[in-house]
Amino acid sequence: MSIDLDFWRYQDGSSHDDAKVYKTACCDGETVEGLEMLPIQEILGKIAEKFSDWTALSPSDYEKEGRGAFQIFTTPQIVRFDCYGMRGEDMNALMDVLEAFGCPLYDPQISTRFDGWTEH
């Protein structure tokens, strides 16, 4: 089973159009007005630390026997994880890393952004 997890941060005062951001930024890799620039290298470093016991096939591809695999797609504004056969606790660990950077999860499988803890 494949699941993608998507993360971004809105600029203060910008309108929130999650479906547009998902399609334009997360799927097409285009820049979207109203999104913050993210510290991508720092985020990737934290992911590498958190998943240091996984096999890193490249800086954006990780796998672990019996735990699944994930690929990372980034632009300066978004981070997207394509997860394959992963356990819930491992996907939660990815979410925790991005939450620390102020980026709530957008789950395109149910068209919901879990940003109740952020200020709108």
PDB file of N, CA and C in Angstrom:
ATOM      1  N   MET A   1       0.834  -1.180   0.000  1.00  0.00           N
ATOM      2  CA  MET A   1       0.000   0.000   0.000  1.00  0.00           C
ATOM      3  C   MET A   1       0.885   1.252   0.000  1.00  0.00           C
ATOM      4  N   SER A   2       0.539   2.206  -0.803  1.00  0.00           N
ATOM      5  CA  SER A   2       1.283   3.453  -0.932  1.00  0.00           C
ATOM      6  C   SER A   2       0.457   4.608  -0.385  1.00  0.00           C
ATOM      7  N   ILE A   3       1.122   5.462   0.389  1.00  0.00           N
ATOM      8  CA  ILE A   3       0.476   6.642   0.965  1.00  0.00           C
ATOM      9  C   ILE A   3       1.422   7.810   0.783  1.00  0.00           C
ATOM     10  N   ASP A   4       0.893   8.976   0.411  1.00  0.00           N
ATOM     11  CA  ASP A   4       1.775  10.134   0.440  1.00  0.00           C
ATOM     12  C   ASP A   4       1.352  11.099   1.529  1.00  0.00           C
ATOM     13  N   LEU A   5       2.366  11.682   2.165  1.00  0.00           N
ATOM     14  CA  LEU A   5       2.206  12.629   3.258  1.00  0.00           C
ATOM     15  C   LEU A   5       2.846  13.931   2.807  1.00  0.00           C
ATOM     16  N   ASP A   6       2.126  15.030   2.923  1.00  0.00           N
ATOM     17  CA  ASP A   6       2.572  16.306   2.358  1.00  0.00           C
ATOM     18  C   ASP A   6       2.586  17.391   3.430  1.00  0.00           C
ATOM     19  N   PHE A   7       3.597  18.266   3.338  1.00  0.00           N
ATOM     20  CA  PHE A   7       3.807  19.279   4.374  1.00  0.00           C
ATOM     21  C   PHE A   7       4.220  20.599   3.750  1.00  0.00           C
ATOM     22  N   TRP A   8       3.669  21.695   4.291  1.00  0.00           N
ATOM     23  CA  TRP A   8       4.065  23.047   3.915  1.00  0.00           C
ATOM     24  C   TRP A   8       3.623  23.987   5.021  1.00  0.00           C
ATOM     25  N   ARG A   9       4.055  25.237   4.906  1.00  0.00           N
ATOM     26  CA  ARG A   9       3.688  26.273   5.868  1.00  0.00           C
ATOM     27  C   ARG A   9       3.185  27.476   5.091  1.00  0.00           C
ATOM     28  N   TYR A  10       2.010  27.969   5.459  1.00  0.00           N
ATOM     29  CA  TYR A  10       1.467  29.179   4.846  1.00  0.00           C
ATOM     30  C   TYR A  10       2.146  30.415   5.429  1.00  0.00           C
ATOM     31  N   GLN A  11       2.303  31.450   4.610  1.00  0.00           N
ATOM     32  CA  GLN A  11       2.750  32.746   5.103  1.00  0.00           C
ATOM     33  C   GLN A  11       1.604  33.373   5.889  1.00  0.00           C
ATOM     34  N   ASP A  12       1.943  34.188   6.869  1.00  0.00           N
ATOM     35  CA  ASP A  12       0.918  34.888   7.648  1.00  0.00           C
ATOM     36  C   ASP A  12       0.055  35.724   6.710  1.00  0.00           C
ATOM     37  N   GLY A  13      -1.251  35.637   6.899  1.00  0.00           N
ATOM     38  CA  GLY A  13      -2.187  36.447   6.135  1.00  0.00           C
ATOM     39  C   GLY A  13      -2.519  35.923   4.753  1.00  0.00           C
ATOM     40  N   SER A  14      -1.927  34.805   4.353  1.00  0.00           N
ATOM     41  CA  SER A  14      -2.243  34.271   3.021  1.00  0.00           C
ATOM     42  C   SER A  14      -3.497  33.403   3.087  1.00  0.00           C
ATOM     43  N   SER A  15      -4.185  33.298   1.963  1.00  0.00           N
ATOM     44  CA  SER A  15      -5.373  32.448   1.930  1.00  0.00           C
ATOM     45  C   SER A  15      -4.934  30.987   1.892  1.00  0.00           C
ATOM     46  N   HIS A  16      -5.768  30.145   2.444  1.00  0.00           N
ATOM     47  CA  HIS A  16      -5.450  28.720   2.525  1.00  0.00           C
ATOM     48  C   HIS A  16      -6.286  27.956   1.506  1.00  0.00           C
ATOM     49  N   ASP A  17      -5.617  27.405   0.506  1.00  0.00           N
ATOM     50  CA  ASP A  17      -6.277  26.572  -0.498  1.00  0.00           C
ATOM     51  C   ASP A  17      -5.478  25.280  -0.588  1.00  0.00           C
ATOM     52  N   ASP A  18      -5.764  24.374   0.339  1.00  0.00           N
ATOM     53  CA  ASP A  18      -4.984  23.148   0.468  1.00  0.00           C
ATOM     54  C   ASP A  18      -4.975  22.301  -0.799  1.00  0.00           C
ATOM     55  N   ALA A  19      -6.128  22.172  -1.450  1.00  0.00           N
ATOM     56  CA  ALA A  19      -6.200  21.353  -2.666  1.00  0.00           C
ATOM     57  C   ALA A  19      -5.323  21.933  -3.771  1.00  0.00           C
ATOM     58  N   LYS A  20      -5.322  23.259  -3.908  1.00  0.00           N
ATOM     59  CA  LYS A  20      -4.486  23.902  -4.922  1.00  0.00           C
ATOM     60  C   LYS A  20      -3.009  23.714  -4.603  1.00  0.00           C
ATOM     61  N   VAL A  21      -2.641  23.912  -3.338  1.00  0.00           N
ATOM     62  CA  VAL A  21      -1.238  23.738  -2.941  1.00  0.00           C
ATOM     63  C   VAL A  21      -0.806  22.305  -3.209  1.00  0.00           C
ATOM     64  N   TYR A  22      -1.653  21.351  -2.852  1.00  0.00           N
ATOM     65  CA  TYR A  22      -1.300  19.945  -3.075  1.00  0.00           C
ATOM     66  C   TYR A  22      -1.031  19.689  -4.553  1.00  0.00           C
ATOM     67  N   LYS A  23      -1.962  20.096  -5.411  1.00  0.00           N
ATOM     68  CA  LYS A  23      -1.793  19.810  -6.833  1.00  0.00           C
ATOM     69  C   LYS A  23      -0.620  20.574  -7.429  1.00  0.00           C
ATOM     70  N   THR A  24      -0.542  21.868  -7.153  1.00  0.00           N
ATOM     71  CA  THR A  24       0.453  22.723  -7.796  1.00  0.00           C
ATOM     72  C   THR A  24       1.857  22.508  -7.230  1.00  0.00           C
ATOM     73  N   ALA A  25       1.978  22.506  -5.901  1.00  0.00           N
ATOM     74  CA  ALA A  25       3.302  22.417  -5.279  1.00  0.00           C
ATOM     75  C   ALA A  25       3.749  20.975  -5.050  1.00  0.00           C
ATOM     76  N   CYS A  26       2.872  20.159  -4.480  1.00  0.00           N
ATOM     77  CA  CYS A  26       3.271  18.798  -4.098  1.00  0.00           C
ATOM     78  C   CYS A  26       3.291  17.823  -5.267  1.00  0.00           C
ATOM     79  N   CYS A  27       2.398  17.996  -6.222  1.00  0.00           N
ATOM     80  CA  CYS A  27       2.347  17.078  -7.366  1.00  0.00           C
ATOM     81  C   CYS A  27       3.134  17.601  -8.561  1.00  0.00           C
ATOM     82  N   ASP A  28       2.958  18.897  -8.882  1.00  0.00           N
ATOM     83  CA  ASP A  28       3.611  19.463 -10.060  1.00  0.00           C
ATOM     84  C   ASP A  28       4.964  20.107  -9.761  1.00  0.00           C
ATOM     85  N   GLY A  29       5.282  20.305  -8.478  1.00  0.00           N
ATOM     86  CA  GLY A  29       6.568  20.871  -8.093  1.00  0.00           C
ATOM     87  C   GLY A  29       6.732  22.343  -8.404  1.00  0.00           C
ATOM     88  N   GLU A  30       5.620  23.054  -8.572  1.00  0.00           N
ATOM     89  CA  GLU A  30       5.662  24.469  -8.906  1.00  0.00           C
ATOM     90  C   GLU A  30       5.607  25.335  -7.650  1.00  0.00           C
ATOM     91  N   THR A  31       6.114  26.550  -7.751  1.00  0.00           N
ATOM     92  CA  THR A  31       6.072  27.513  -6.661  1.00  0.00           C
ATOM     93  C   THR A  31       4.645  28.030  -6.497  1.00  0.00           C
ATOM     94  N   VAL A  32       4.227  28.197  -5.247  1.00  0.00           N
ATOM     95  CA  VAL A  32       2.883  28.693  -4.941  1.00  0.00           C
ATOM     96  C   VAL A  32       3.017  29.948  -4.082  1.00  0.00           C
ATOM     97  N   GLU A  33       2.394  31.016  -4.537  1.00  0.00           N
ATOM     98  CA  GLU A  33       2.380  32.254  -3.768  1.00  0.00           C
ATOM     99  C   GLU A  33       1.657  32.013  -2.448  1.00  0.00           C
ATOM    100  N   GLY A  34       2.217  32.561  -1.367  1.00  0.00           N
ATOM    101  CA  GLY A  34       1.579  32.428  -0.061  1.00  0.00           C
ATOM    102  C   GLY A  34       2.166  31.332   0.811  1.00  0.00           C
ATOM    103  N   LEU A  35       3.164  30.601   0.285  1.00  0.00           N
ATOM    104  CA  LEU A  35       3.823  29.573   1.098  1.00  0.00           C
ATOM    105  C   LEU A  35       5.189  30.067   1.547  1.00  0.00           C
ATOM    106  N   GLU A  36       5.567  29.656   2.741  1.00  0.00           N
ATOM    107  CA  GLU A  36       6.891  29.966   3.284  1.00  0.00           C
ATOM    108  C   GLU A  36       7.953  29.115   2.583  1.00  0.00           C
ATOM    109  N   MET A  37       9.171  29.627   2.534  1.00  0.00           N
ATOM    110  CA  MET A  37      10.317  28.831   2.127  1.00  0.00           C
ATOM    111  C   MET A  37      10.727  28.005   3.346  1.00  0.00           C
ATOM    112  N   LEU A  38      11.060  26.752   3.137  1.00  0.00           N
ATOM    113  CA  LEU A  38      11.405  25.852   4.234  1.00  0.00           C
ATOM    114  C   LEU A  38      12.911  25.597   4.270  1.00  0.00           C
ATOM    115  N   PRO A  39      13.453  25.310   5.456  1.00  0.00           N
ATOM    116  CA  PRO A  39      14.872  24.957   5.567  1.00  0.00           C
ATOM    117  C   PRO A  39      15.081  23.486   5.159  1.00  0.00           C
ATOM    118  N   ILE A  40      15.011  23.226   3.873  1.00  0.00           N
ATOM    119  CA  ILE A  40      14.983  21.851   3.351  1.00  0.00           C
ATOM    120  C   ILE A  40      16.186  21.033   3.812  1.00  0.00           C
ATOM    121  N   GLN A  41      17.394  21.584   3.733  1.00  0.00           N
ATOM    122  CA  GLN A  41      18.576  20.806   4.133  1.00  0.00           C
ATOM    123  C   GLN A  41      18.528  20.430   5.610  1.00  0.00           C
ATOM    124  N   GLU A  42      18.054  21.341   6.437  1.00  0.00           N
ATOM    125  CA  GLU A  42      17.919  21.044   7.864  1.00  0.00           C
ATOM    126  C   GLU A  42      16.865  19.958   8.097  1.00  0.00           C
ATOM    127  N   ILE A  43      15.759  20.038   7.384  1.00  0.00           N
ATOM    128  CA  ILE A  43      14.706  19.016   7.492  1.00  0.00           C
ATOM    129  C   ILE A  43      15.254  17.653   7.068  1.00  0.00           C
ATOM    130  N   LEU A  44      15.951  17.608   5.936  1.00  0.00           N
ATOM    131  CA  LEU A  44      16.518  16.343   5.466  1.00  0.00           C
ATOM    132  C   LEU A  44      17.529  15.780   6.464  1.00  0.00           C
ATOM    133  N   GLY A  45      18.277  16.661   7.108  1.00  0.00           N
ATOM    134  CA  GLY A  45      19.219  16.220   8.141  1.00  0.00           C
ATOM    135  C   GLY A  45      18.515  15.586   9.318  1.00  0.00           C
ATOM    136  N   LYS A  46      17.408  16.179   9.744  1.00  0.00           N
ATOM    137  CA  LYS A  46      16.631  15.624  10.862  1.00  0.00           C
ATOM    138  C   LYS A  46      16.015  14.271  10.485  1.00  0.00           C
ATOM    139  N   ILE A  47      15.570  14.144   9.253  1.00  0.00           N
ATOM    140  CA  ILE A  47      15.019  12.861   8.801  1.00  0.00           C
ATOM    141  C   ILE A  47      16.118  11.807   8.792  1.00  0.00           C
ATOM    142  N   ALA A  48      17.301  12.184   8.299  1.00  0.00           N
ATOM    143  CA  ALA A  48      18.432  11.245   8.284  1.00  0.00           C
ATOM    144  C   ALA A  48      18.788  10.794   9.702  1.00  0.00           C
ATOM    145  N   GLU A  49      18.749  11.724  10.661  1.00  0.00           N
ATOM    146  CA  GLU A  49      19.016  11.372  12.059  1.00  0.00           C
ATOM    147  C   GLU A  49      17.953  10.411  12.590  1.00  0.00           C
ATOM    148  N   LYS A  50      16.698  10.773  12.369  1.00  0.00           N
ATOM    149  CA  LYS A  50      15.577   9.993  12.910  1.00  0.00           C
ATOM    150  C   LYS A  50      15.543   8.582  12.320  1.00  0.00           C
ATOM    151  N   PHE A  51      15.956   8.454  11.055  1.00  0.00           N
ATOM    152  CA  PHE A  51      15.901   7.166  10.378  1.00  0.00           C
ATOM    153  C   PHE A  51      17.311   6.624  10.106  1.00  0.00           C
ATOM    154  N   SER A  52      18.231   6.880  11.038  1.00  0.00           N
ATOM    155  CA  SER A  52      19.623   6.471  10.854  1.00  0.00           C
ATOM    156  C   SER A  52      19.798   4.954  10.834  1.00  0.00           C
ATOM    157  N   ASP A  53      18.836   4.217  11.376  1.00  0.00           N
ATOM    158  CA  ASP A  53      18.942   2.756  11.348  1.00  0.00           C
ATOM    159  C   ASP A  53      18.264   2.152  10.107  1.00  0.00           C
ATOM    160  N   TRP A  54      17.792   3.000   9.205  1.00  0.00           N
ATOM    161  CA  TRP A  54      17.247   2.554   7.934  1.00  0.00           C
ATOM    162  C   TRP A  54      18.349   2.635   6.882  1.00  0.00           C
ATOM    163  N   THR A  55      18.214   1.898   5.807  1.00  0.00           N
ATOM    164  CA  THR A  55      19.164   1.969   4.711  1.00  0.00           C
ATOM    165  C   THR A  55      18.809   3.158   3.833  1.00  0.00           C
ATOM    166  N   ALA A  56      19.764   4.083   3.700  1.00  0.00           N
ATOM    167  CA  ALA A  56      19.568   5.240   2.825  1.00  0.00           C
ATOM    168  C   ALA A  56      20.139   4.880   1.454  1.00  0.00           C
ATOM    169  N   LEU A  57      19.254   4.620   0.507  1.00  0.00           N
ATOM    170  CA  LEU A  57      19.678   4.278  -0.850  1.00  0.00           C
ATOM    171  C   LEU A  57      20.190   5.516  -1.574  1.00  0.00           C
ATOM    172  N   SER A  58      19.712   6.667  -1.144  1.00  0.00           N
ATOM    173  CA  SER A  58      20.141   7.981  -1.630  1.00  0.00           C
ATOM    174  C   SER A  58      19.670   8.962  -0.552  1.00  0.00           C
ATOM    175  N   PRO A  59      19.997  10.252  -0.680  1.00  0.00           N
ATOM    176  CA  PRO A  59      19.494  11.187   0.340  1.00  0.00           C
ATOM    177  C   PRO A  59      17.963  11.285   0.390  1.00  0.00           C
ATOM    178  N   SER A  60      17.291  10.757  -0.628  1.00  0.00           N
ATOM    179  CA  SER A  60      15.826  10.859  -0.639  1.00  0.00           C
ATOM    180  C   SER A  60      15.106   9.509  -0.710  1.00  0.00           C
ATOM    181  N   ASP A  61      15.831   8.414  -0.559  1.00  0.00           N
ATOM    182  CA  ASP A  61      15.221   7.079  -0.605  1.00  0.00           C
ATOM    183  C   ASP A  61      15.690   6.247   0.583  1.00  0.00           C
ATOM    184  N   TYR A  62      14.739   5.787   1.393  1.00  0.00           N
ATOM    185  CA  TYR A  62      15.046   4.993   2.577  1.00  0.00           C
ATOM    186  C   TYR A  62      14.233   3.707   2.557  1.00  0.00           C
ATOM    187  N   GLU A  63      14.836   2.646   3.102  1.00  0.00           N
ATOM    188  CA  GLU A  63      14.098   1.400   3.274  1.00  0.00           C
ATOM    189  C   GLU A  63      14.640   0.652   4.477  1.00  0.00           C
ATOM    190  N   LYS A  64      13.798  -0.228   5.015  1.00  0.00           N
ATOM    191  CA  LYS A  64      14.215  -1.074   6.119  1.00  0.00           C
ATOM    192  C   LYS A  64      13.439  -2.373   6.025  1.00  0.00           C
ATOM    193  N   GLU A  65      14.153  -3.464   6.087  1.00  0.00           N
ATOM    194  CA  GLU A  65      13.541  -4.785   6.008  1.00  0.00           C
ATOM    195  C   GLU A  65      12.422  -4.905   7.040  1.00  0.00           C
ATOM    196  N   GLY A  66      11.234  -5.278   6.572  1.00  0.00           N
ATOM    197  CA  GLY A  66      10.092  -5.465   7.447  1.00  0.00           C
ATOM    198  C   GLY A  66       9.393  -4.178   7.871  1.00  0.00           C
ATOM    199  N   ARG A  67       9.923  -3.011   7.472  1.00  0.00           N
ATOM    200  CA  ARG A  67       9.331  -1.739   7.886  1.00  0.00           C
ATOM    201  C   ARG A  67       8.865  -0.901   6.708  1.00  0.00           C
ATOM    202  N   GLY A  68       9.179  -1.332   5.473  1.00  0.00           N
ATOM    203  CA  GLY A  68       8.737  -0.591   4.306  1.00  0.00           C
ATOM    204  C   GLY A  68       9.807   0.336   3.776  1.00  0.00           C
ATOM    205  N   ALA A  69       9.358   1.355   3.044  1.00  0.00           N
ATOM    206  CA  ALA A  69      10.268   2.293   2.398  1.00  0.00           C
ATOM    207  C   ALA A  69       9.562   3.628   2.220  1.00  0.00           C
ATOM    208  N   PHE A  70      10.379   4.679   2.030  1.00  0.00           N
ATOM    209  CA  PHE A  70       9.804   5.972   1.670  1.00  0.00           C
ATOM    210  C   PHE A  70      10.779   6.739   0.792  1.00  0.00           C
ATOM    211  N   GLN A  71      10.186   7.583  -0.046  1.00  0.00           N
ATOM    212  CA  GLN A  71      10.941   8.490  -0.896  1.00  0.00           C
ATOM    213  C   GLN A  71      10.542   9.906  -0.514  1.00  0.00           C
ATOM    214  N   ILE A  72      11.501  10.822  -0.631  1.00  0.00           N
ATOM    215  CA  ILE A  72      11.258  12.216  -0.277  1.00  0.00           C
ATOM    216  C   ILE A  72      11.326  13.068  -1.538  1.00  0.00           C
ATOM    217  N   PHE A  73      10.314  13.900  -1.739  1.00  0.00           N
ATOM    218  CA  PHE A  73      10.306  14.880  -2.816  1.00  0.00           C
ATOM    219  C   PHE A  73      10.213  16.246  -2.152  1.00  0.00           C
ATOM    220  N   THR A  74      11.095  17.166  -2.533  1.00  0.00           N
ATOM    221  CA  THR A  74      11.053  18.508  -1.952  1.00  0.00           C
ATOM    222  C   THR A  74      11.136  19.568  -3.038  1.00  0.00           C
ATOM    223  N   THR A  75      10.604  20.721  -2.711  1.00  0.00           N
ATOM    224  CA  THR A  75      10.869  21.965  -3.413  1.00  0.00           C
ATOM    225  C   THR A  75      11.247  22.928  -2.291  1.00  0.00           C
ATOM    226  N   PRO A  76      11.609  24.152  -2.573  1.00  0.00           N
ATOM    227  CA  PRO A  76      11.900  25.076  -1.472  1.00  0.00           C
ATOM    228  C   PRO A  76      10.700  25.328  -0.541  1.00  0.00           C
ATOM    229  N   GLN A  77       9.489  24.940  -0.983  1.00  0.00           N
ATOM    230  CA  GLN A  77       8.284  25.228  -0.202  1.00  0.00           C
ATOM    231  C   GLN A  77       7.598  24.017   0.408  1.00  0.00           C
ATOM    232  N   ILE A  78       7.865  22.825  -0.063  1.00  0.00           N
ATOM    233  CA  ILE A  78       7.098  21.656   0.405  1.00  0.00           C
ATOM    234  C   ILE A  78       8.022  20.464   0.646  1.00  0.00           C
ATOM    235  N   VAL A  79       7.508  19.540   1.452  1.00  0.00           N
ATOM    236  CA  VAL A  79       8.135  18.227   1.628  1.00  0.00           C
ATOM    237  C   VAL A  79       7.021  17.203   1.446  1.00  0.00           C
ATOM    238  N   ARG A  80       7.304  16.222   0.587  1.00  0.00           N
ATOM    239  CA  ARG A  80       6.342  15.149   0.334  1.00  0.00           C
ATOM    240  C   ARG A  80       7.050  13.820   0.542  1.00  0.00           C
ATOM    241  N   PHE A  81       6.394  12.934   1.283  1.00  0.00           N
ATOM    242  CA  PHE A  81       6.893  11.580   1.491  1.00  0.00           C
ATOM    243  C   PHE A  81       5.963  10.621   0.767  1.00  0.00           C
ATOM    244  N   ASP A  82       6.516   9.785  -0.076  1.00  0.00           N
ATOM    245  CA  ASP A  82       5.771   8.681  -0.671  1.00  0.00           C
ATOM    246  C   ASP A  82       6.159   7.443   0.121  1.00  0.00           C
ATOM    247  N   CYS A  83       5.211   6.906   0.876  1.00  0.00           N
ATOM    248  CA  CYS A  83       5.456   5.814   1.814  1.00  0.00           C
ATOM    249  C   CYS A  83       4.902   4.508   1.250  1.00  0.00           C
ATOM    250  N   TYR A  84       5.693   3.459   1.363  1.00  0.00           N
ATOM    251  CA  TYR A  84       5.334   2.156   0.810  1.00  0.00           C
ATOM    252  C   TYR A  84       5.422   1.092   1.898  1.00  0.00           C
ATOM    253  N   GLY A  85       4.279   0.551   2.283  1.00  0.00           N
ATOM    254  CA  GLY A  85       4.239  -0.528   3.263  1.00  0.00           C
ATOM    255  C   GLY A  85       4.801  -0.162   4.622  1.00  0.00           C
ATOM    256  N   MET A  86       4.717   1.103   5.000  1.00  0.00           N
ATOM    257  CA  MET A  86       5.288   1.544   6.272  1.00  0.00           C
ATOM    258  C   MET A  86       4.320   1.361   7.433  1.00  0.00           C
ATOM    259  N   ARG A  87       4.880   1.190   8.601  1.00  0.00           N
ATOM    260  CA  ARG A  87       4.100   1.113   9.834  1.00  0.00           C
ATOM    261  C   ARG A  87       3.634   2.515  10.231  1.00  0.00           C
ATOM    262  N   GLY A  88       2.537   2.558  10.937  1.00  0.00           N
ATOM    263  CA  GLY A  88       1.995   3.830  11.401  1.00  0.00           C
ATOM    264  C   GLY A  88       2.970   4.612  12.254  1.00  0.00           C
ATOM    265  N   GLU A  89       3.691   3.930  13.144  1.00  0.00           N
ATOM    266  CA  GLU A  89       4.615   4.658  14.020  1.00  0.00           C
ATOM    267  C   GLU A  89       5.774   5.290  13.241  1.00  0.00           C
ATOM    268  N   ASP A  90       6.171   4.664  12.137  1.00  0.00           N
ATOM    269  CA  ASP A  90       7.232   5.253  11.323  1.00  0.00           C
ATOM    270  C   ASP A  90       6.721   6.471  10.551  1.00  0.00           C
ATOM    271  N   MET A  91       5.494   6.395  10.053  1.00  0.00           N
ATOM    272  CA  MET A  91       4.915   7.565   9.388  1.00  0.00           C
ATOM    273  C   MET A  91       4.695   8.694  10.405  1.00  0.00           C
ATOM    274  N   ASN A  92       4.309   8.340  11.630  1.00  0.00           N
ATOM    275  CA  ASN A  92       4.160   9.353  12.681  1.00  0.00           C
ATOM    276  C   ASN A  92       5.495  10.026  12.984  1.00  0.00           C
ATOM    277  N   ALA A  93       6.593   9.278  12.904  1.00  0.00           N
ATOM    278  CA  ALA A  93       7.917   9.863  13.136  1.00  0.00           C
ATOM    279  C   ALA A  93       8.236  10.902  12.061  1.00  0.00           C
ATOM    280  N   LEU A  94       7.846  10.627  10.810  1.00  0.00           N
ATOM    281  CA  LEU A  94       8.028  11.620   9.746  1.00  0.00           C
ATOM    282  C   LEU A  94       7.214  12.873  10.056  1.00  0.00           C
ATOM    283  N   MET A  95       5.976  12.679  10.489  1.00  0.00           N
ATOM    284  CA  MET A  95       5.106  13.813  10.829  1.00  0.00           C
ATOM    285  C   MET A  95       5.693  14.631  11.970  1.00  0.00           C
ATOM    286  N   ASP A  96       6.284  13.960  12.963  1.00  0.00           N
ATOM    287  CA  ASP A  96       6.875  14.661  14.104  1.00  0.00           C
ATOM    288  C   ASP A  96       8.019  15.568  13.665  1.00  0.00           C
ATOM    289  N   VAL A  97       8.843  15.080  12.732  1.00  0.00           N
ATOM    290  CA  VAL A  97       9.955  15.894  12.243  1.00  0.00           C
ATOM    291  C   VAL A  97       9.419  17.176  11.610  1.00  0.00           C
ATOM    292  N   LEU A  98       8.407  17.053  10.754  1.00  0.00           N
ATOM    293  CA  LEU A  98       7.875  18.238  10.064  1.00  0.00           C
ATOM    294  C   LEU A  98       7.088  19.139  10.998  1.00  0.00           C
ATOM    295  N   GLU A  99       6.427  18.562  11.982  1.00  0.00           N
ATOM    296  CA  GLU A  99       5.702  19.382  12.954  1.00  0.00           C
ATOM    297  C   GLU A  99       6.669  20.298  13.695  1.00  0.00           C
ATOM    298  N   ALA A 100       7.877  19.803  13.971  1.00  0.00           N
ATOM    299  CA  ALA A 100       8.884  20.614  14.659  1.00  0.00           C
ATOM    300  C   ALA A 100       9.293  21.837  13.824  1.00  0.00           C
ATOM    301  N   PHE A 101       9.051  21.795  12.523  1.00  0.00           N
ATOM    302  CA  PHE A 101       9.329  22.917  11.633  1.00  0.00           C
ATOM    303  C   PHE A 101       8.073  23.729  11.324  1.00  0.00           C
ATOM    304  N   GLY A 102       6.994  23.474  12.070  1.00  0.00           N
ATOM    305  CA  GLY A 102       5.760  24.232  11.903  1.00  0.00           C
ATOM    306  C   GLY A 102       4.954  23.846  10.680  1.00  0.00           C
ATOM    307  N   CYS A 103       5.170  22.615  10.193  1.00  0.00           N
ATOM    308  CA  CYS A 103       4.486  22.155   8.980  1.00  0.00           C
ATOM    309  C   CYS A 103       3.516  21.026   9.316  1.00  0.00           C
ATOM    310  N   PRO A 104       2.215  21.302   9.308  1.00  0.00           N
ATOM    311  CA  PRO A 104       1.234  20.244   9.568  1.00  0.00           C
ATOM    312  C   PRO A 104       1.057  19.328   8.362  1.00  0.00           C
ATOM    313  N   LEU A 105       0.556  18.146   8.642  1.00  0.00           N
ATOM    314  CA  LEU A 105       0.296  17.141   7.605  1.00  0.00           C
ATOM    315  C   LEU A 105      -0.918  17.515   6.760  1.00  0.00           C
ATOM    316  N   TYR A 106      -0.763  17.331   5.451  1.00  0.00           N
ATOM    317  CA  TYR A 106      -1.913  17.306   4.550  1.00  0.00           C
ATOM    318  C   TYR A 106      -2.000  15.878   4.051  1.00  0.00           C
ATOM    319  N   ASP A 107      -3.148  15.250   4.248  1.00  0.00           N
ATOM    320  CA  ASP A 107      -3.365  13.870   3.800  1.00  0.00           C
ATOM    321  C   ASP A 107      -4.262  13.900   2.577  1.00  0.00           C
ATOM    322  N   PRO A 108      -3.679  13.734   1.374  1.00  0.00           N
ATOM    323  CA  PRO A 108      -4.487  13.805   0.165  1.00  0.00           C
ATOM    324  C   PRO A 108      -5.443  12.627   0.003  1.00  0.00           C
ATOM    325  N   GLN A 109      -5.202  11.553   0.732  1.00  0.00           N
ATOM    326  CA  GLN A 109      -6.104  10.410   0.652  1.00  0.00           C
ATOM    327  C   GLN A 109      -7.495  10.772   1.160  1.00  0.00           C
ATOM    328  N   ILE A 110      -7.556  11.747   2.102  1.00  0.00           N
ATOM    329  CA  ILE A 110      -8.846  12.182   2.644  1.00  0.00           C
ATOM    330  C   ILE A 110      -9.039  13.691   2.482  1.00  0.00           C
ATOM    331  N   SER A 111      -8.177  14.341   1.694  1.00  0.00           N
ATOM    332  CA  SER A 111      -8.256  15.790   1.424  1.00  0.00           C
ATOM    333  C   SER A 111      -8.384  16.620   2.694  1.00  0.00           C
ATOM    334  N   THR A 112      -7.518  16.328   3.681  1.00  0.00           N
ATOM    335  CA  THR A 112      -7.579  17.010   4.970  1.00  0.00           C
ATOM    336  C   THR A 112      -6.192  17.458   5.398  1.00  0.00           C
ATOM    337  N   ARG A 113      -6.115  18.696   5.874  1.00  0.00           N
ATOM    338  CA  ARG A 113      -4.879  19.219   6.450  1.00  0.00           C
ATOM    339  C   ARG A 113      -5.082  19.305   7.953  1.00  0.00           C
ATOM    340  N   PHE A 114      -4.179  18.686   8.693  1.00  0.00           N
ATOM    341  CA  PHE A 114      -4.285  18.618  10.142  1.00  0.00           C
ATOM    342  C   PHE A 114      -3.536  19.776  10.776  1.00  0.00           C
ATOM    343  N   ASP A 115      -4.140  20.967  10.665  1.00  0.00           N
ATOM    344  CA  ASP A 115      -3.474  22.183  11.105  1.00  0.00           C
ATOM    345  C   ASP A 115      -4.205  22.897  12.234  1.00  0.00           C
ATOM    346  N   GLY A 116      -4.994  22.157  12.990  1.00  0.00           N
ATOM    347  CA  GLY A 116      -5.734  22.768  14.089  1.00  0.00           C
ATOM    348  C   GLY A 116      -4.841  23.407  15.126  1.00  0.00           C
ATOM    349  N   TRP A 117      -3.588  22.975  15.228  1.00  0.00           N
ATOM    350  CA  TRP A 117      -2.650  23.526  16.208  1.00  0.00           C
ATOM    351  C   TRP A 117      -1.931  24.773  15.696  1.00  0.00           C
ATOM    352  N   THR A 118      -2.137  25.122  14.429  1.00  0.00           N
ATOM    353  CA  THR A 118      -1.485  26.313  13.894  1.00  0.00           C
ATOM    354  C   THR A 118      -2.430  27.498  13.981  1.00  0.00           C
ATOM    355  N   GLU A 119      -1.856  28.688  13.833  1.00  0.00           N
ATOM    356  CA  GLU A 119      -2.682  29.884  13.802  1.00  0.00           C
ATOM    357  C   GLU A 119      -3.079  30.146  12.358  1.00  0.00           C
ATOM    358  N   HIS A 120      -4.342  30.456  12.114  1.00  0.00           N
ATOM    359  CA  HIS A 120      -4.813  30.731  10.744  1.00  0.00           C
ATOM    360  C   HIS A 120      -4.845  32.215  10.514  1.00  0.00           C
TER     361      HIS A 120
END
